[in-house]
Amino acid sequence: MTQPVLLAVDENAADLALIERELEDRYGRHYKVVCAGSPDDARTHLEHFAASAVEVALVLTGQWRAGEPNCRLLASVHDLHPYAKRAVLIAWTDWGDQSTGRAIFDGISDGRFDHYVIQPSRSPDEQFHQTISMVLLEWAEANRAAPYTVHIVGESWTGRAYELREALQQCAMSHHFCLADSPEGRELVAAARAGAVLPIVVFPDGRVLENPTNLEISQSTGGPIDPGQADFDVCIVGAGPAGLSAAVYGTSEGLSTIVVDKGGIGGQATSSSLIRNYLGFPRGVSGRHLAQNAYSQAWVFGAKFAFMQTVTGIAREDERLVVTLSADRRLTASAVLLAMGVSYRRLGVPSLEALVGAGVYYGGSTSEAPALVDRDVFVLGGANSAGQSALHLAQYARSVTLVVRAPSLRDGMSDYLVRQVEATANIRTRLGCQVVGGGGDGRLDHLVLRDIASKTESAVDARALFILIGAEPHTGWLPAEIEQDERGFILTGADISQRSAPRFNRSPFLLETSMPGVFAAGDVRHGSVKRVASAVGEGSIAIQLLHQYYAVEQLSLRGSID
């Protein structure tokens, strides 16, 4: 197989030689390093690679200011190599310069390039390589070339094969699906065993599971399902950003902690292909990587986890809170943190609900995007998650149409995302519009759109629809003692009604629910800001409030004894 290409472009011969040295020394065994002294030479190389079906992983350029030849080159790379990553080099002396930062922001927002890299200096320049390695990992995962990709083979896109893809998405695992009658599918099935029961799941180490349960998937991806003990200082329900944040801070401060989730890690964050405004990640971070890192952090600190298990009830028995799991197992804790998050609201169109997994998807597009090359796809929703999904799909699909009920993208989407969406040539926006129908013979092939103002309807060709239309909290199982608003979000602190006051001998803490000792954080809480950073912040705040709660309870217990 021909090695993928790393193409470096710089008109300064000395700078280009330095870049070539670093790339060749570190990546020369697995990538073909090609250097060009001008944008015209680079374009010739790109055209030759496209004609020869040679993959380009990265195009790296210097002298990139807006309007300059290298910048125009980067903007046109995807015409020939739609999956290639594009990065600009900046001098160390430009790092922190306001005008440089503005130019980088504008360049990424306008879709001209994807990343920036500080020019290498002495060899080896590990800061340079840290960035390049990150960019190449992104490229590998987007092209299903990552070393830890899990493969699923099924007879159809729907049914159990779709459920397995959902389970792996919940476990924040890179995965790829193919049909059993495809060349790749036949090869994977043949390597498994004769008569293998479909769907099969093939892991990077060669292990094969035939039609596995979600519990087996969790165990095989390293997700624990048995915490090994039954009593904890705090039980966290939900392993999204709020729950994982609380697990990190709780265990790092000495609290014995258990995290229970009906799926795996990350919650809705795993559907975000790139979060660019999360503190500390100037080049952006995928929701899946953020979840994996948070899980690893909590695990090292000593948090226990129980995945693929549903919490069915909470009750107080004497001084302890009892948490009941779906398998009739009971955990006890001094306090409970509810961080179950939300799920995307169902569209409710029967003909489209019948095609979930076969062109219709709830949530982000991370795992399905590579199968949509040269297809026309639609994203329904107007918030940040919809914008991120549309931008990710635009790297693969022929066209992406963002369908939004609101009259403006800015009604629900961050400015930087609006700018990127508007600057991406193959993304169209249908404002004041909704999806009211659609269908296909076993797989989606068309949608029916309605203009809200005129009430007119039109049928459009569509190979995929990603639905991200508002949030519904996972609170239906909670006891009546835990108050909720009219939409099911949990009331906390000052929002708790006076009828719950007799349960307290004090004022409820900021994130405390109407059941003393039970707290809520993240998207599931009434009044929360639906952002990853906000959920992480609330998870950390919840742990500080737990310490205050423990102190008050100890004083109360001591007073009753006296």
Protein backbone atom coordinates (compact mmCIF):
# COMPACT_ATOMS: atom_id res chain seq x y z
CA MET A 1 0.00 0.00 0.00
CA THR A 2 1.31 3.45 -0.92
CA GLN A 3 2.31 5.51 2.08
CA PRO A 4 0.15 8.58 2.82
CA VAL A 5 1.85 11.89 2.13
CA LEU A 6 2.99 14.71 4.39
CA LEU A 7 3.37 17.75 2.12
CA ALA A 8 5.37 20.73 3.43
CA VAL A 9 5.34 24.05 1.53
CA ASP A 10 7.61 27.01 2.20
CA GLU A 11 9.38 29.48 -0.09
CA ASN A 12 12.16 29.95 2.47
CA ALA A 13 14.65 27.18 1.67
CA ALA A 14 16.23 27.14 5.13
CA ASP A 15 12.87 26.88 6.90
CA LEU A 16 11.72 24.18 4.49
CA ALA A 17 14.88 22.15 5.11
CA LEU A 18 14.26 22.32 8.86
CA ILE A 19 10.67 21.15 8.47
CA GLU A 20 11.74 18.34 6.14
CA ARG A 21 14.34 17.16 8.65
CA GLU A 22 11.83 16.98 11.49
CA LEU A 23 9.15 15.25 9.43
CA GLU A 24 11.54 12.77 7.82
CA ASP A 25 13.28 11.84 11.09
CA ARG A 26 10.06 11.20 13.01
CA TYR A 27 7.55 10.05 10.39
CA GLY A 28 9.59 8.85 7.41
CA ARG A 29 9.00 5.14 8.07
CA HIS A 30 5.23 5.37 7.73
CA TYR A 31 4.62 8.49 5.65
CA LYS A 32 6.10 9.84 2.43
CA VAL A 33 7.50 13.31 3.16
CA VAL A 34 7.30 15.65 0.15
CA CYS A 35 8.51 19.26 0.10
CA ALA A 36 7.57 22.06 -2.27
CA GLY A 37 9.24 25.45 -2.59
CA SER A 38 6.17 27.25 -3.91
CA PRO A 39 2.37 26.96 -3.94
CA ASP A 40 2.46 26.14 -7.66
CA ASP A 41 4.83 23.21 -7.05
CA ALA A 42 2.61 22.05 -4.20
CA ARG A 43 -0.50 22.16 -6.37
CA THR A 44 1.26 20.07 -9.01
CA HIS A 45 2.09 17.48 -6.37
CA LEU A 46 -1.49 17.46 -5.06
CA GLU A 47 -2.90 16.96 -8.57
CA HIS A 48 -0.46 14.10 -9.21
CA PHE A 49 -1.34 12.41 -5.90
CA ALA A 50 -5.07 12.71 -6.65
CA ALA A 51 -4.63 11.21 -10.12
CA SER A 52 -2.57 8.37 -8.64
CA ALA A 53 -5.02 7.72 -5.76
CA VAL A 54 -2.32 8.53 -3.21
CA GLU A 55 -3.71 9.75 0.12
CA VAL A 56 -2.52 13.07 1.51
CA ALA A 57 -2.64 13.16 5.30
CA LEU A 58 -1.31 16.66 5.97
CA VAL A 59 -0.47 19.85 4.07
CA LEU A 60 1.75 22.14 6.15
CA THR A 61 2.60 25.63 4.94
CA GLY A 62 4.49 28.74 5.95
CA GLN A 63 3.80 32.34 4.82
CA TRP A 64 0.07 31.91 5.15
CA ARG A 65 -1.43 35.37 5.67
CA ALA A 66 -4.90 35.90 4.19
CA GLY A 67 -4.75 36.50 0.47
CA GLU A 68 -1.22 35.11 0.10
CA PRO A 69 -0.58 32.16 -2.24
CA ASN A 70 -0.02 29.57 0.51
CA CYS A 71 -3.28 30.52 2.20
CA ARG A 72 -5.16 30.19 -1.10
CA LEU A 73 -3.47 26.84 -1.59
CA LEU A 74 -4.70 25.57 1.77
CA ALA A 75 -8.24 26.73 1.02
CA SER A 76 -8.24 24.65 -2.18
CA VAL A 77 -6.66 21.44 -0.81
CA HIS A 78 -10.01 19.76 -0.11
CA ASP A 79 -11.00 20.06 -3.76
CA LEU A 80 -8.45 17.33 -4.49
CA HIS A 81 -7.99 15.66 -1.10
CA PRO A 82 -11.12 16.17 1.02
CA TYR A 83 -9.79 14.30 4.07
CA ALA A 84 -6.35 15.90 4.26
CA LYS A 85 -5.59 18.00 7.33
CA ARG A 86 -4.31 21.52 6.68
CA ALA A 87 -2.04 23.43 9.04
CA VAL A 88 -0.13 26.70 9.01
CA LEU A 89 3.27 27.34 10.55
CA ILE A 90 3.82 30.33 12.81
CA ALA A 91 7.08 31.60 14.24
CA TRP A 92 7.68 31.22 17.97
CA THR A 93 7.91 35.02 18.17
CA ASP A 94 4.35 35.30 16.78
CA TRP A 95 2.90 33.11 19.53
CA GLY A 96 0.72 35.39 21.65
CA ASP A 97 0.68 38.20 19.08
CA GLN A 98 -2.85 39.57 18.83
CA SER A 99 -2.95 40.02 15.08
CA THR A 100 -1.58 36.51 14.54
CA GLY A 101 -4.21 35.06 16.86
CA ARG A 102 -6.95 36.93 15.00
CA ALA A 103 -5.65 35.68 11.65
CA ILE A 104 -5.60 32.08 12.93
CA PHE A 105 -9.13 32.41 14.31
CA ASP A 106 -10.40 33.89 11.05
CA GLY A 107 -8.60 31.28 8.93
CA ILE A 108 -10.06 28.36 10.86
CA SER A 109 -13.52 29.94 11.14
CA ASP A 110 -13.58 30.64 7.41
CA GLY A 111 -12.54 27.08 6.60
CA ARG A 112 -9.19 27.90 4.98
CA PHE A 113 -7.20 25.60 7.28
CA ASP A 114 -7.67 23.38 10.33
CA HIS A 115 -4.73 23.91 12.72
CA TYR A 116 -1.67 25.98 13.48
CA VAL A 117 1.80 24.68 14.36
CA ILE A 118 4.76 26.53 15.85
CA GLN A 119 7.78 26.23 13.54
CA PRO A 120 10.37 23.68 14.64
CA SER A 121 13.64 24.96 16.05
CA ARG A 122 16.29 22.66 17.50
CA SER A 123 16.03 18.94 16.78
CA PRO A 124 14.12 17.09 18.03
CA ASP A 125 11.43 19.69 18.60
CA GLU A 126 8.94 17.78 20.75
CA GLN A 127 6.43 20.61 20.89
CA PHE A 128 6.27 20.56 17.10
CA HIS A 129 5.86 16.78 17.08
CA GLN A 130 3.17 16.85 19.75
CA THR A 131 0.99 18.98 17.48
CA ILE A 132 1.80 17.04 14.30
CA SER A 133 1.04 13.72 16.03
CA MET A 134 -2.30 15.06 17.25
CA VAL A 135 -3.22 16.20 13.74
CA LEU A 136 -2.22 12.85 12.24
CA LEU A 137 -4.27 10.99 14.84
CA GLU A 138 -7.30 13.07 13.83
CA TRP A 139 -6.65 12.22 10.19
CA ALA A 140 -6.23 8.51 10.96
CA GLU A 141 -9.45 8.32 12.96
CA ALA A 142 -11.42 10.19 10.33
CA ASN A 143 -10.19 7.73 7.70
CA ARG A 144 -10.74 4.61 9.84
CA ALA A 145 -6.99 4.05 9.90
CA ALA A 146 -6.61 4.51 13.65
CA PRO A 147 -4.95 1.49 15.31
CA TYR A 148 -7.75 1.07 17.86
CA THR A 149 -10.73 1.05 15.51
CA VAL A 150 -13.39 -1.57 16.29
CA HIS A 151 -15.11 -3.09 13.23
CA ILE A 152 -18.78 -4.12 13.13
CA VAL A 153 -20.14 -6.34 10.36
CA GLY A 154 -23.90 -6.79 9.93
CA GLU A 155 -26.46 -7.90 7.39
CA SER A 156 -28.22 -4.52 7.45
CA TRP A 157 -27.72 -1.01 8.79
CA THR A 158 -30.63 -1.31 11.20
CA GLY A 159 -31.51 -3.61 14.08
CA ARG A 160 -28.82 -5.04 16.33
CA ALA A 161 -25.99 -3.75 14.13
CA TYR A 162 -27.15 -0.19 14.77
CA GLU A 163 -27.53 -0.86 18.51
CA LEU A 164 -23.93 -2.12 18.63
CA ARG A 165 -22.72 1.05 16.94
CA GLU A 166 -24.62 3.04 19.53
CA ALA A 167 -23.06 0.99 22.35
CA LEU A 168 -19.54 1.61 21.02
CA GLN A 169 -20.35 5.31 20.63
CA GLN A 170 -21.39 5.33 24.30
CA CYS A 171 -18.08 3.67 25.21
CA ALA A 172 -16.25 6.45 23.28
CA MET A 173 -14.64 3.84 21.02
CA SER A 174 -13.55 4.56 17.44
CA HIS A 175 -15.53 2.17 15.25
CA HIS A 176 -16.49 1.42 11.67
CA PHE A 177 -19.46 -0.48 10.22
CA CYS A 178 -19.68 -2.40 6.97
CA LEU A 179 -22.26 -4.72 5.42
CA ALA A 180 -21.53 -8.43 5.34
CA ASP A 181 -21.84 -8.57 1.54
CA SER A 182 -19.30 -5.78 0.97
CA PRO A 183 -15.68 -6.71 0.09
CA GLU A 184 -14.47 -5.52 3.48
CA GLY A 185 -17.31 -7.31 5.26
CA ARG A 186 -16.64 -10.62 3.49
CA GLU A 187 -12.97 -10.37 4.43
CA LEU A 188 -13.73 -9.72 8.11
CA VAL A 189 -16.32 -12.51 8.30
CA ALA A 190 -13.95 -14.97 6.63
CA ALA A 191 -11.22 -14.11 9.13
CA ALA A 192 -13.62 -14.67 12.04
CA ARG A 193 -14.81 -18.25 11.59
CA ALA A 194 -17.07 -20.26 9.33
CA GLY A 195 -20.72 -19.79 10.21
CA ALA A 196 -20.15 -16.79 12.47
CA VAL A 197 -23.43 -15.37 13.78
CA LEU A 198 -23.98 -11.82 12.56
CA PRO A 199 -23.53 -9.10 13.54
CA ILE A 200 -19.93 -9.60 14.59
CA VAL A 201 -17.62 -7.17 16.36
CA VAL A 202 -13.90 -7.39 15.57
CA PHE A 203 -11.52 -5.75 18.04
CA PRO A 204 -8.06 -4.35 17.22
CA ASP A 205 -6.36 -7.31 18.94
CA GLY A 206 -8.19 -9.79 16.70
CA ARG A 207 -10.87 -10.88 19.18
CA VAL A 208 -14.27 -11.49 17.62
CA LEU A 209 -17.64 -11.35 19.40
CA GLU A 210 -20.70 -12.78 17.69
CA ASN A 211 -23.92 -10.80 18.30
CA PRO A 212 -22.64 -9.64 21.70
CA THR A 213 -24.69 -8.04 24.46
CA ASN A 214 -24.01 -4.46 25.50
CA LEU A 215 -22.47 -5.78 28.72
CA GLU A 216 -20.04 -7.89 26.69
CA ILE A 217 -19.19 -4.84 24.57
CA SER A 218 -18.48 -2.79 27.68
CA GLN A 219 -16.28 -5.47 29.22
CA SER A 220 -14.37 -6.02 25.98
CA THR A 221 -13.59 -2.30 25.64
CA GLY A 222 -12.27 -2.14 29.19
CA GLY A 223 -15.47 -0.76 30.72
CA PRO A 224 -16.06 -2.22 34.20
CA ILE A 225 -19.56 -3.40 35.09
CA ASP A 226 -18.98 -4.45 38.71
CA PRO A 227 -17.64 -1.87 41.18
CA GLY A 228 -16.39 -4.58 43.56
CA GLN A 229 -17.94 -2.97 46.64
CA ALA A 230 -21.37 -1.76 47.76
CA ASP A 231 -20.84 1.28 50.01
CA PHE A 232 -19.39 4.66 48.96
CA ASP A 233 -19.05 8.24 50.04
CA VAL A 234 -20.72 9.40 46.84
CA CYS A 235 -22.62 7.64 44.05
CA ILE A 236 -22.63 9.54 40.73
CA VAL A 237 -25.40 8.66 38.29
CA GLY A 238 -24.18 9.43 34.78
CA ALA A 239 -20.73 9.42 33.16
CA GLY A 240 -21.02 12.52 31.01
CA PRO A 241 -18.85 15.62 31.52
CA ALA A 242 -20.53 16.57 34.84
CA GLY A 243 -20.30 13.06 36.25
CA LEU A 244 -16.71 12.50 35.14
CA SER A 245 -15.68 15.90 36.50
CA ALA A 246 -17.23 15.06 39.88
CA ALA A 247 -15.50 11.66 39.83
CA VAL A 248 -12.10 13.28 39.24
CA TYR A 249 -12.52 15.90 41.95
CA GLY A 250 -14.21 13.53 44.40
CA THR A 251 -11.59 10.80 44.23
CA SER A 252 -8.70 13.29 44.17
CA GLU A 253 -10.05 14.68 47.47
CA GLY A 254 -10.29 11.28 49.12
CA LEU A 255 -13.97 10.38 48.61
CA SER A 256 -14.76 6.79 47.72
CA THR A 257 -16.69 7.25 44.47
CA ILE A 258 -18.82 5.08 42.18
CA VAL A 259 -20.06 6.20 38.75
CA VAL A 260 -23.01 4.32 37.26
CA ASP A 261 -24.15 4.80 33.65
CA LYS A 262 -26.63 2.96 31.46
CA GLY A 263 -24.13 3.26 28.61
CA GLY A 264 -20.45 4.12 28.78
CA ILE A 265 -18.57 7.38 29.10
CA GLY A 266 -19.04 10.87 27.74
CA GLY A 267 -22.79 11.27 27.36
CA GLN A 268 -23.86 13.61 24.56
CA ALA A 269 -20.34 15.05 24.40
CA THR A 270 -19.12 12.00 22.48
CA SER A 271 -21.24 13.08 19.51
CA SER A 272 -19.25 16.34 19.15
CA SER A 273 -16.57 15.86 16.51
CA LEU A 274 -14.67 19.02 17.54
CA ILE A 275 -15.19 21.33 20.51
CA ARG A 276 -13.16 24.46 19.75
CA ASN A 277 -14.13 26.68 22.68
CA TYR A 278 -13.23 24.33 25.56
CA LEU A 279 -10.70 25.88 27.92
CA GLY A 280 -7.13 24.62 27.51
CA PHE A 281 -7.52 23.11 24.02
CA PRO A 282 -6.58 25.90 21.59
CA ARG A 283 -6.70 23.55 18.61
CA GLY A 284 -10.00 21.99 19.71
CA VAL A 285 -10.78 18.58 21.14
CA SER A 286 -13.27 15.91 20.11
CA GLY A 287 -15.93 14.96 22.64
CA ARG A 288 -14.74 11.37 22.52
CA HIS A 289 -11.13 12.26 23.37
CA LEU A 290 -12.27 14.56 26.15
CA ALA A 291 -14.38 11.76 27.65
CA GLN A 292 -11.58 9.19 27.32
CA ASN A 293 -9.10 11.49 29.04
CA ALA A 294 -11.53 12.33 31.84
CA TYR A 295 -12.31 8.65 32.40
CA SER A 296 -8.60 7.79 32.55
CA GLN A 297 -8.01 10.61 35.01
CA ALA A 298 -10.82 9.49 37.33
CA TRP A 299 -9.75 5.84 37.03
CA VAL A 300 -6.16 6.62 38.04
CA PHE A 301 -7.42 8.58 41.06
CA GLY A 302 -9.38 5.50 42.13
CA ALA A 303 -12.98 6.03 40.99
CA LYS A 304 -15.06 2.88 40.52
CA PHE A 305 -17.33 2.49 37.50
CA ALA A 306 -20.36 0.37 36.64
CA PHE A 307 -21.31 0.70 32.97
CA MET A 308 -24.31 -0.66 31.04
CA GLN A 309 -26.36 -0.61 34.23
CA THR A 310 -29.46 1.47 34.82
CA VAL A 311 -30.30 3.14 38.12
CA THR A 312 -33.96 2.46 38.92
CA GLY A 313 -34.43 4.13 42.29
CA ILE A 314 -33.11 6.23 45.16
CA ALA A 315 -34.37 6.07 48.72
CA ARG A 316 -33.14 7.03 52.18
CA GLU A 317 -32.66 4.37 54.82
CA ASP A 318 -31.55 5.80 58.16
CA GLU A 319 -28.40 7.86 57.50
CA ARG A 320 -27.62 6.29 54.10
CA LEU A 321 -28.97 6.75 50.58
CA VAL A 322 -29.79 3.50 48.77
CA VAL A 323 -29.35 3.37 45.00
CA THR A 324 -31.03 0.45 43.23
CA LEU A 325 -29.68 -0.86 39.91
CA SER A 326 -31.58 -2.65 37.16
CA ALA A 327 -30.10 -6.03 38.12
CA ASP A 328 -31.61 -5.69 41.63
CA ARG A 329 -28.23 -4.75 43.01
CA ARG A 330 -28.12 -2.12 45.75
CA LEU A 331 -25.44 0.46 46.44
CA THR A 332 -25.34 2.72 49.48
CA ALA A 333 -23.76 6.16 49.74
CA SER A 334 -23.58 9.18 51.98
CA ALA A 335 -24.59 11.37 49.04
CA VAL A 336 -25.76 11.00 45.46
CA LEU A 337 -25.02 13.22 42.46
CA LEU A 338 -27.50 13.07 39.58
CA ALA A 339 -25.70 13.80 36.29
CA MET A 340 -27.70 11.70 33.82
CA GLY A 341 -27.69 14.36 31.12
CA VAL A 342 -30.22 14.49 28.32
CA SER A 343 -31.04 12.80 25.04
CA TYR A 344 -32.13 14.37 21.79
CA ARG A 345 -35.88 14.69 21.36
CA ARG A 346 -37.47 12.20 18.97
CA LEU A 347 -38.73 13.58 15.68
CA GLY A 348 -41.95 11.56 15.82
CA VAL A 349 -42.32 10.93 12.07
CA PRO A 350 -43.17 7.19 11.76
CA SER A 351 -41.65 6.70 8.30
CA LEU A 352 -38.35 8.17 9.53
CA GLU A 353 -38.37 6.44 12.93
CA ALA A 354 -38.53 3.14 10.99
CA LEU A 355 -35.20 4.03 9.34
CA VAL A 356 -33.20 4.84 12.49
CA GLY A 357 -29.76 3.36 11.81
CA ALA A 358 -30.43 3.17 8.07
CA GLY A 359 -29.83 6.79 7.17
CA VAL A 360 -31.63 8.39 10.13
CA TYR A 361 -29.55 9.06 13.24
CA TYR A 362 -30.08 10.76 16.58
CA GLY A 363 -27.00 12.66 17.73
CA GLY A 364 -23.72 13.50 16.07
CA SER A 365 -22.11 12.21 12.91
CA THR A 366 -18.68 11.08 14.11
CA SER A 367 -18.93 7.38 13.29
CA GLU A 368 -21.28 7.52 10.28
CA ALA A 369 -19.60 10.31 8.30
CA PRO A 370 -16.97 8.22 6.41
CA ALA A 371 -19.75 6.19 4.76
CA LEU A 372 -21.35 9.32 3.29
CA VAL A 373 -18.76 10.31 0.69
CA ASP A 374 -20.40 12.03 -2.29
CA ARG A 375 -23.83 11.88 -0.64
CA ASP A 376 -26.40 14.58 0.11
CA VAL A 377 -27.05 14.70 3.84
CA PHE A 378 -29.14 16.79 6.23
CA VAL A 379 -28.70 17.95 9.82
CA LEU A 380 -31.79 18.98 11.78
CA GLY A 381 -31.12 21.43 14.61
CA GLY A 382 -29.86 24.92 15.34
CA ALA A 383 -27.58 24.62 18.38
CA ASN A 384 -23.80 24.15 18.60
CA SER A 385 -23.98 20.37 18.34
CA ALA A 386 -25.83 20.67 15.02
CA GLY A 387 -23.24 23.12 13.69
CA GLN A 388 -20.36 20.87 14.74
CA SER A 389 -22.03 17.89 13.12
CA ALA A 390 -22.61 19.77 9.85
CA LEU A 391 -18.96 20.87 9.69
CA HIS A 392 -17.74 17.34 10.31
CA LEU A 393 -20.04 15.90 7.65
CA ALA A 394 -18.96 18.55 5.14
CA GLN A 395 -15.52 16.91 5.02
CA TYR A 396 -17.12 13.80 3.47
CA ALA A 397 -20.53 14.52 1.97
CA ARG A 398 -21.18 16.16 -1.39
CA SER A 399 -23.60 18.55 0.30
CA VAL A 400 -24.83 19.19 3.83
CA THR A 401 -28.10 21.00 4.46
CA LEU A 402 -28.67 22.41 7.93
CA VAL A 403 -32.42 22.55 8.64
CA VAL A 404 -33.26 25.09 11.35
CA ARG A 405 -36.66 26.14 12.73
CA ALA A 406 -35.37 29.55 13.86
CA PRO A 407 -35.09 32.53 11.48
CA SER A 408 -31.35 32.90 12.21
CA LEU A 409 -28.45 30.58 13.02
CA ARG A 410 -27.33 33.03 15.69
CA ASP A 411 -30.48 32.35 17.71
CA GLY A 412 -28.92 29.18 19.09
CA MET A 413 -25.36 28.79 17.77
CA SER A 414 -22.04 30.33 18.85
CA ASP A 415 -20.65 33.01 16.55
CA TYR A 416 -17.47 31.09 15.69
CA LEU A 417 -19.55 28.12 14.52
CA VAL A 418 -21.93 30.29 12.51
CA ARG A 419 -18.94 31.79 10.71
CA GLN A 420 -17.50 28.36 9.92
CA VAL A 421 -20.85 27.07 8.66
CA GLU A 422 -21.37 30.12 6.46
CA ALA A 423 -17.83 29.85 5.08
CA THR A 424 -18.07 26.15 4.17
CA ALA A 425 -18.93 25.88 0.48
CA ASN A 426 -20.87 22.62 0.61
CA ILE A 427 -23.07 23.55 3.59
CA ARG A 428 -26.44 25.09 2.85
CA THR A 429 -28.85 26.41 5.48
CA ARG A 430 -32.65 26.18 5.38
CA LEU A 431 -33.96 28.64 8.00
CA GLY A 432 -37.55 28.63 9.21
CA CYS A 433 -37.90 25.06 8.03
CA GLN A 434 -38.75 21.65 9.51
CA VAL A 435 -38.65 17.98 8.50
CA VAL A 436 -42.18 16.53 8.27
CA GLY A 437 -41.71 13.35 6.27
CA GLY A 438 -39.45 11.10 4.26
CA GLY A 439 -38.60 7.47 3.68
CA GLY A 440 -36.90 4.92 1.50
CA ASP A 441 -36.83 1.23 0.63
CA GLY A 442 -34.87 -0.12 3.61
CA ARG A 443 -32.69 2.99 3.72
CA LEU A 444 -33.37 6.72 3.65
CA ASP A 445 -33.49 8.21 0.16
CA HIS A 446 -35.67 11.31 0.56
CA LEU A 447 -37.04 13.85 3.03
CA VAL A 448 -40.06 16.12 3.01
CA LEU A 449 -39.34 19.67 4.21
CA ARG A 450 -41.92 22.28 5.20
CA ASP A 451 -41.40 26.03 5.13
CA ILE A 452 -42.91 27.22 8.42
CA ALA A 453 -44.02 30.63 7.13
CA SER A 454 -45.58 29.60 3.82
CA LYS A 455 -46.61 26.04 4.88
CA THR A 456 -45.33 24.78 1.51
CA GLU A 457 -43.71 21.34 1.37
CA SER A 458 -41.04 19.93 -0.91
CA ALA A 459 -39.39 16.54 -1.34
CA VAL A 460 -35.57 16.42 -1.50
CA ASP A 461 -33.07 13.63 -2.12
CA ALA A 462 -31.27 12.66 1.09
CA ARG A 463 -28.99 9.79 2.05
CA ALA A 464 -28.74 10.68 5.73
CA LEU A 465 -30.50 12.76 8.38
CA PHE A 466 -28.85 13.62 11.71
CA ILE A 467 -31.36 14.84 14.29
CA LEU A 468 -30.24 17.17 17.09
CA ILE A 469 -33.45 18.95 18.11
CA GLY A 470 -33.56 19.80 21.75
CA ALA A 471 -33.00 17.88 24.91
CA GLU A 472 -35.10 15.60 27.11
CA PRO A 473 -33.76 14.82 30.59
CA HIS A 474 -33.39 11.23 31.81
CA THR A 475 -35.47 11.77 34.93
CA GLY A 476 -38.56 9.60 34.52
CA TRP A 477 -37.32 7.08 37.09
CA LEU A 478 -36.77 9.55 39.94
CA PRO A 479 -38.95 9.39 43.07
CA ALA A 480 -41.65 12.02 43.62
CA GLU A 481 -39.61 13.56 46.45
CA ILE A 482 -37.16 14.96 43.89
CA GLU A 483 -38.89 17.95 42.34
CA GLN A 484 -38.74 18.61 38.60
CA ASP A 485 -39.92 21.44 36.36
CA GLU A 486 -42.63 21.01 33.75
CA ARG A 487 -40.10 19.57 31.26
CA GLY A 488 -38.57 17.07 33.68
CA PHE A 489 -35.40 18.99 34.58
CA ILE A 490 -34.38 18.71 38.25
CA LEU A 491 -34.96 21.67 40.55
CA THR A 492 -32.12 22.56 42.91
CA GLY A 493 -31.22 25.13 45.57
CA ALA A 494 -33.43 28.21 45.63
CA ASP A 495 -35.72 26.75 42.92
CA ILE A 496 -37.03 24.06 45.30
CA SER A 497 -40.59 24.74 46.45
CA GLN A 498 -41.58 25.51 50.03
CA ARG A 499 -43.42 22.20 50.34
CA SER A 500 -40.04 20.45 50.51
CA ALA A 501 -38.77 22.70 53.33
CA PRO A 502 -39.82 20.32 56.16
CA ARG A 503 -37.26 17.77 54.88
CA PHE A 504 -34.44 20.20 55.70
CA ASN A 505 -33.24 21.67 58.98
CA ARG A 506 -31.29 24.23 56.93
CA SER A 507 -31.38 25.92 53.54
CA PRO A 508 -30.68 23.56 50.62
CA PHE A 509 -27.24 23.88 49.07
CA LEU A 510 -26.87 25.46 45.63
CA LEU A 511 -27.01 22.19 43.62
CA GLU A 512 -28.96 20.13 46.17
CA THR A 513 -32.32 18.66 45.15
CA SER A 514 -35.45 18.49 47.29
CA MET A 515 -34.17 15.18 48.72
CA PRO A 516 -31.43 16.08 51.24
CA GLY A 517 -28.05 14.66 50.27
CA VAL A 518 -29.02 14.22 46.62
CA PHE A 519 -27.42 16.78 44.28
CA ALA A 520 -27.77 17.45 40.53
CA ALA A 521 -25.29 18.82 38.00
CA GLY A 522 -24.98 19.34 34.27
CA ASP A 523 -27.63 19.29 31.56
CA VAL A 524 -30.19 17.41 33.68
CA ARG A 525 -30.48 20.33 36.12
CA HIS A 526 -33.08 23.06 35.68
CA GLY A 527 -31.45 26.33 34.64
CA SER A 528 -28.09 24.83 33.69
CA VAL A 529 -26.11 26.18 30.73
CA LYS A 530 -26.04 23.44 28.09
CA ARG A 531 -22.30 23.53 27.47
CA VAL A 532 -19.58 20.97 28.20
CA ALA A 533 -17.53 23.48 30.19
CA SER A 534 -20.53 24.38 32.32
CA ALA A 535 -21.24 20.71 33.07
CA VAL A 536 -17.61 20.15 34.05
CA GLY A 537 -17.74 23.20 36.30
CA GLU A 538 -20.93 22.07 38.02
CA GLY A 539 -19.42 18.63 38.61
CA SER A 540 -16.48 20.17 40.46
CA ILE A 541 -18.74 22.57 42.41
CA ALA A 542 -20.94 19.66 43.45
CA ILE A 543 -17.99 18.00 45.19
CA GLN A 544 -17.28 21.16 47.20
CA LEU A 545 -20.94 21.30 48.20
CA LEU A 546 -20.77 17.64 49.25
CA HIS A 547 -17.95 18.48 51.65
CA GLN A 548 -20.12 21.22 53.15
CA TYR A 549 -23.05 18.80 53.34
CA TYR A 550 -20.92 16.18 55.13
CA ALA A 551 -19.74 18.81 57.62
CA VAL A 552 -23.29 19.94 58.37
CA GLU A 553 -24.50 16.36 58.75
CA GLN A 554 -21.64 15.55 61.13
CA LEU A 555 -22.53 18.57 63.27
CA SER A 556 -26.19 17.60 63.22
CA LEU A 557 -25.38 14.00 64.19
CA ARG A 558 -23.07 15.19 66.97
CA GLY A 559 -25.78 17.52 68.27
CA SER A 560 -28.38 14.76 68.37
CA ILE A 561 -25.98 12.51 70.29
CA ASP A 562 -25.21 15.25 72.80
